[in-house]
C-alpha cells in the first residue's frame, strides 16, 4: 500500500457572504450541467443564464473560463472526498461500492473538463497531484475497512482500484450506464473468495 498525503479540508475558497456563496454554487451547478451537455463548446454566457445570474456575477466569482473550469474540477474532488467520509459508518462493502460509484461519476465530469484543464495546465500540475492525493486518502479507509472485514481481496490498494475505474470510464463510445455496469463487473472481482 502506498502512503499518501492527508486530504486537504478544502481545495476551494468559497465566498463568505451567504448571497455570494449561493450565486457561486449556482454557477458551479450550472457549469457542471452545461459542460456535461455541451463540452468545451459551452459559453460562459449560457452558463450564467442557466444559473440565473448576470455575466458580471459569473466573472466576479470566476474571472476567466479557466478559473471556472478549475473550480468545477476541485468542487468535484471535494464532493468525492465528502462522500467517502459520509459512508464511514455504512456496511464496509456497501460503503466502498457506493463511493466507487461516485468516483465513476467524478471521472465522467473530469473527462468532460479534461481538454480545457490540459490546455492551461500540465498533466503533472500541483492541482492534479493534490487532488489525486485527496482522492486516494479519502478512499483508502473504505478499502481497508472492507479488506479488514474479509470482504475484499487483500492484494489490491486504492490506487489500483481507481486506476481500474479510470480505464473502464475511458471506454470509447460507452454511455454512463454501460460504463457503470462494466465497473460493477470489475468491482465484483475485488470481492474476497477463499481458495
Protein backbone atom coordinates (compact mmCIF):
# COMPACT_ATOMS: atom_id res chain seq x y z
CA UNK A 1 0.00 0.00 0.00
CA UNK A 2 1.26 3.45 -0.73
CA UNK A 3 1.46 6.36 1.61
CA UNK A 4 -0.38 9.49 0.60
CA UNK A 5 -0.83 12.95 1.97
CA UNK A 6 -3.84 13.57 4.19
CA UNK A 7 -6.71 15.09 2.23
CA UNK A 8 -6.97 18.83 2.40
CA UNK A 9 -10.04 20.06 4.23
CA UNK A 10 -10.91 22.30 1.31
CA UNK A 11 -9.27 22.94 -2.00
CA UNK A 12 -11.58 25.80 -2.97
CA UNK A 13 -12.04 29.22 -1.47
CA UNK A 14 -15.76 29.89 -1.47
CA UNK A 15 -17.31 33.31 -0.80
CA UNK A 16 -18.19 34.02 2.83
CA UNK A 17 -21.39 36.07 2.38
CA UNK A 18 -24.49 33.89 2.07
CA UNK A 19 -25.81 35.57 -1.12
CA UNK A 20 -22.42 35.44 -2.83
CA UNK A 21 -21.98 31.80 -1.77
CA UNK A 22 -25.43 30.94 -3.23
CA UNK A 23 -24.53 32.58 -6.55
CA UNK A 24 -21.15 30.84 -6.57
CA UNK A 25 -22.81 27.44 -6.01
CA UNK A 26 -25.49 28.18 -8.64
CA UNK A 27 -22.82 28.99 -11.22
CA UNK A 28 -20.89 25.80 -10.38
CA UNK A 29 -24.04 23.66 -10.64
CA UNK A 30 -25.00 25.27 -13.96
CA UNK A 31 -21.45 24.84 -15.30
CA UNK A 32 -21.43 21.16 -14.29
CA UNK A 33 -24.65 20.54 -16.24
CA UNK A 34 -23.65 22.70 -19.21
CA UNK A 35 -20.21 21.15 -19.64
CA UNK A 36 -21.71 17.65 -19.35
CA UNK A 37 -24.14 18.50 -22.17
CA UNK A 38 -22.08 20.74 -24.42
CA UNK A 39 -18.45 20.09 -23.53
CA UNK A 40 -15.90 22.73 -24.41
CA UNK A 41 -18.34 24.48 -26.78
CA UNK A 42 -20.27 25.76 -23.75
CA UNK A 43 -20.21 29.54 -23.46
CA UNK A 44 -19.91 31.41 -20.18
CA UNK A 45 -22.99 33.42 -21.13
CA UNK A 46 -25.01 30.19 -21.42
CA UNK A 47 -23.74 29.10 -18.00
CA UNK A 48 -24.73 32.45 -16.45
CA UNK A 49 -28.23 32.21 -18.00
CA UNK A 50 -28.63 28.63 -16.76
CA UNK A 51 -27.55 29.72 -13.27
CA UNK A 52 -30.00 32.65 -13.31
CA UNK A 53 -27.25 35.21 -12.72
CA UNK A 54 -25.76 38.00 -14.80
CA UNK A 55 -22.50 37.53 -16.64
CA UNK A 56 -20.92 40.09 -14.29
CA UNK A 57 -21.75 37.86 -11.32
CA UNK A 58 -20.13 34.90 -13.05
CA UNK A 59 -16.97 36.92 -13.79
CA UNK A 60 -16.88 38.29 -10.24
CA UNK A 61 -16.50 34.72 -8.95
CA UNK A 62 -14.61 33.28 -11.90
CA UNK A 63 -12.58 35.96 -13.71
CA UNK A 64 -11.61 33.58 -16.51
CA UNK A 65 -13.05 30.47 -18.15
CA UNK A 66 -10.05 28.54 -16.81
CA UNK A 67 -10.83 29.69 -13.25
CA UNK A 68 -14.38 28.32 -13.60
CA UNK A 69 -13.17 25.00 -15.03
CA UNK A 70 -10.58 24.60 -12.26
CA UNK A 71 -13.13 25.47 -9.57
CA UNK A 72 -15.58 22.95 -11.01
CA UNK A 73 -12.88 20.26 -11.09
CA UNK A 74 -11.87 20.97 -7.47
CA UNK A 75 -15.52 21.03 -6.38
CA UNK A 76 -15.97 17.55 -7.86
CA UNK A 77 -12.91 16.27 -5.97
CA UNK A 78 -14.23 17.73 -2.71
CA UNK A 79 -17.61 16.08 -3.33
CA UNK A 80 -15.97 12.69 -3.80
CA UNK A 81 -13.94 13.14 -0.60
CA UNK A 82 -17.03 14.22 1.37
CA UNK A 83 -18.90 11.18 0.03
CA UNK A 84 -16.19 8.88 1.44
CA UNK A 85 -16.43 10.49 4.86
CA UNK A 86 -20.23 10.21 4.84
CA UNK A 87 -20.00 6.45 4.21
CA UNK A 88 -17.63 5.59 7.05
CA UNK A 89 -20.37 4.03 9.20
CA UNK A 90 -22.06 2.03 6.41
CA UNK A 91 -21.56 -1.68 5.74
CA UNK A 92 -17.93 -1.99 4.51
CA UNK A 93 -18.73 -3.45 1.06
CA UNK A 94 -21.72 -1.14 0.56
CA UNK A 95 -19.64 1.89 1.57
CA UNK A 96 -16.81 1.02 -0.80
CA UNK A 97 -19.16 0.18 -3.67
CA UNK A 98 -21.23 3.37 -3.27
CA UNK A 99 -18.10 5.51 -3.04
CA UNK A 100 -16.62 3.91 -6.16
CA UNK A 101 -19.90 4.70 -7.98
CA UNK A 102 -19.31 8.32 -7.00
CA UNK A 103 -15.74 8.08 -8.31
CA UNK A 104 -17.08 6.87 -11.68
CA UNK A 105 -19.35 9.94 -11.84
CA UNK A 106 -16.37 12.16 -10.97
CA UNK A 107 -14.28 10.57 -13.75
CA UNK A 108 -17.03 11.36 -16.27
CA UNK A 109 -17.02 15.03 -15.19
CA UNK A 110 -13.23 15.14 -15.27
CA UNK A 111 -13.23 13.78 -18.82
CA UNK A 112 -15.69 16.49 -19.90
CA UNK A 113 -13.30 19.11 -18.49
CA UNK A 114 -10.01 17.41 -19.42
CA UNK A 115 -9.38 19.25 -22.68
CA UNK A 116 -9.83 22.65 -21.09
CA UNK A 117 -7.84 21.74 -17.99
CA UNK A 118 -4.93 20.37 -20.01
CA UNK A 119 -4.89 23.42 -22.30
CA UNK A 120 -3.75 25.54 -19.35
CA UNK A 121 -2.11 23.03 -17.01
CA UNK A 122 0.48 20.34 -17.40
CA UNK A 123 -0.63 16.78 -16.53
CA UNK A 124 1.76 16.87 -13.56
CA UNK A 125 0.44 20.22 -12.21
CA UNK A 126 0.24 20.50 -8.43
CA UNK A 127 -3.56 20.84 -8.61
CA UNK A 128 -3.80 17.39 -10.19
CA UNK A 129 -1.30 15.88 -7.76
CA UNK A 130 -3.02 17.27 -4.66
CA UNK A 131 -6.45 16.30 -5.99
CA UNK A 132 -5.30 12.74 -6.64
CA UNK A 133 -3.72 12.56 -3.17
CA UNK A 134 -7.01 13.75 -1.62
CA UNK A 135 -8.99 11.20 -3.62
CA UNK A 136 -6.69 8.33 -2.64
CA UNK A 137 -6.59 9.38 1.01
CA UNK A 138 -10.40 9.55 1.10
CA UNK A 139 -10.89 6.09 -0.40
CA UNK A 140 -8.12 4.23 1.40
CA UNK A 141 -10.00 3.86 4.73
CA UNK A 142 -13.07 2.47 2.92
CA UNK A 143 -10.99 -0.12 1.08
CA UNK A 144 -9.05 -1.04 4.22
CA UNK A 145 -12.29 -1.49 6.20
CA UNK A 146 -13.68 -3.83 3.53
CA UNK A 147 -10.39 -5.75 3.45
CA UNK A 148 -10.30 -6.00 7.27
CA UNK A 149 -13.86 -7.36 7.20
CA UNK A 150 -12.72 -10.08 4.79
CA UNK A 151 -14.95 -8.76 2.01
CA UNK A 152 -12.29 -7.55 -0.41
CA UNK A 153 -9.13 -9.29 -1.54
CA UNK A 154 -6.05 -8.01 0.25
CA UNK A 155 -3.71 -7.82 -2.74
CA UNK A 156 -5.03 -4.51 -4.11
CA UNK A 157 -4.67 -0.94 -2.98
CA UNK A 158 -6.94 2.02 -3.61
CA UNK A 159 -4.67 3.46 -6.29
CA UNK A 160 -5.02 0.26 -8.31
CA UNK A 161 -8.79 0.27 -7.89
CA UNK A 162 -9.06 3.90 -9.03
CA UNK A 163 -6.72 3.17 -11.96
CA UNK A 164 -9.01 0.30 -12.98
CA UNK A 165 -12.07 2.57 -12.85
CA UNK A 166 -10.33 5.27 -14.88
CA UNK A 167 -9.52 2.70 -17.57
CA UNK A 168 -13.14 1.50 -17.65
CA UNK A 169 -14.51 5.05 -17.71
CA UNK A 170 -12.42 5.81 -20.80
CA UNK A 171 -14.22 3.10 -22.77
CA UNK A 172 -14.79 4.62 -26.22
CA UNK A 173 -18.41 5.39 -27.09
CA UNK A 174 -19.63 3.93 -23.80
CA UNK A 175 -22.63 5.59 -22.22
CA UNK A 176 -22.61 6.17 -18.48
CA UNK A 177 -24.95 3.24 -17.73
CA UNK A 178 -22.76 0.85 -19.71
CA UNK A 179 -19.63 2.17 -18.01
CA UNK A 180 -21.21 1.71 -14.57
CA UNK A 181 -22.23 -1.82 -15.46
CA UNK A 182 -18.67 -2.70 -16.57
CA UNK A 183 -17.29 -1.08 -13.41
CA UNK A 184 -19.58 -3.17 -11.22
CA UNK A 185 -18.49 -6.33 -13.03
CA UNK A 186 -14.86 -5.37 -12.36
CA UNK A 187 -15.57 -4.42 -8.74
CA UNK A 188 -17.20 -7.78 -8.18
CA UNK A 189 -13.76 -9.22 -8.97
CA UNK A 190 -12.43 -7.41 -5.89
CA UNK A 191 -14.56 -9.49 -3.55
CA UNK A 192 -12.62 -11.91 -1.43
CA UNK A 193 -13.16 -15.54 -2.36
CA UNK A 194 -11.40 -18.23 -0.34
CA UNK A 195 -9.46 -20.73 -2.47
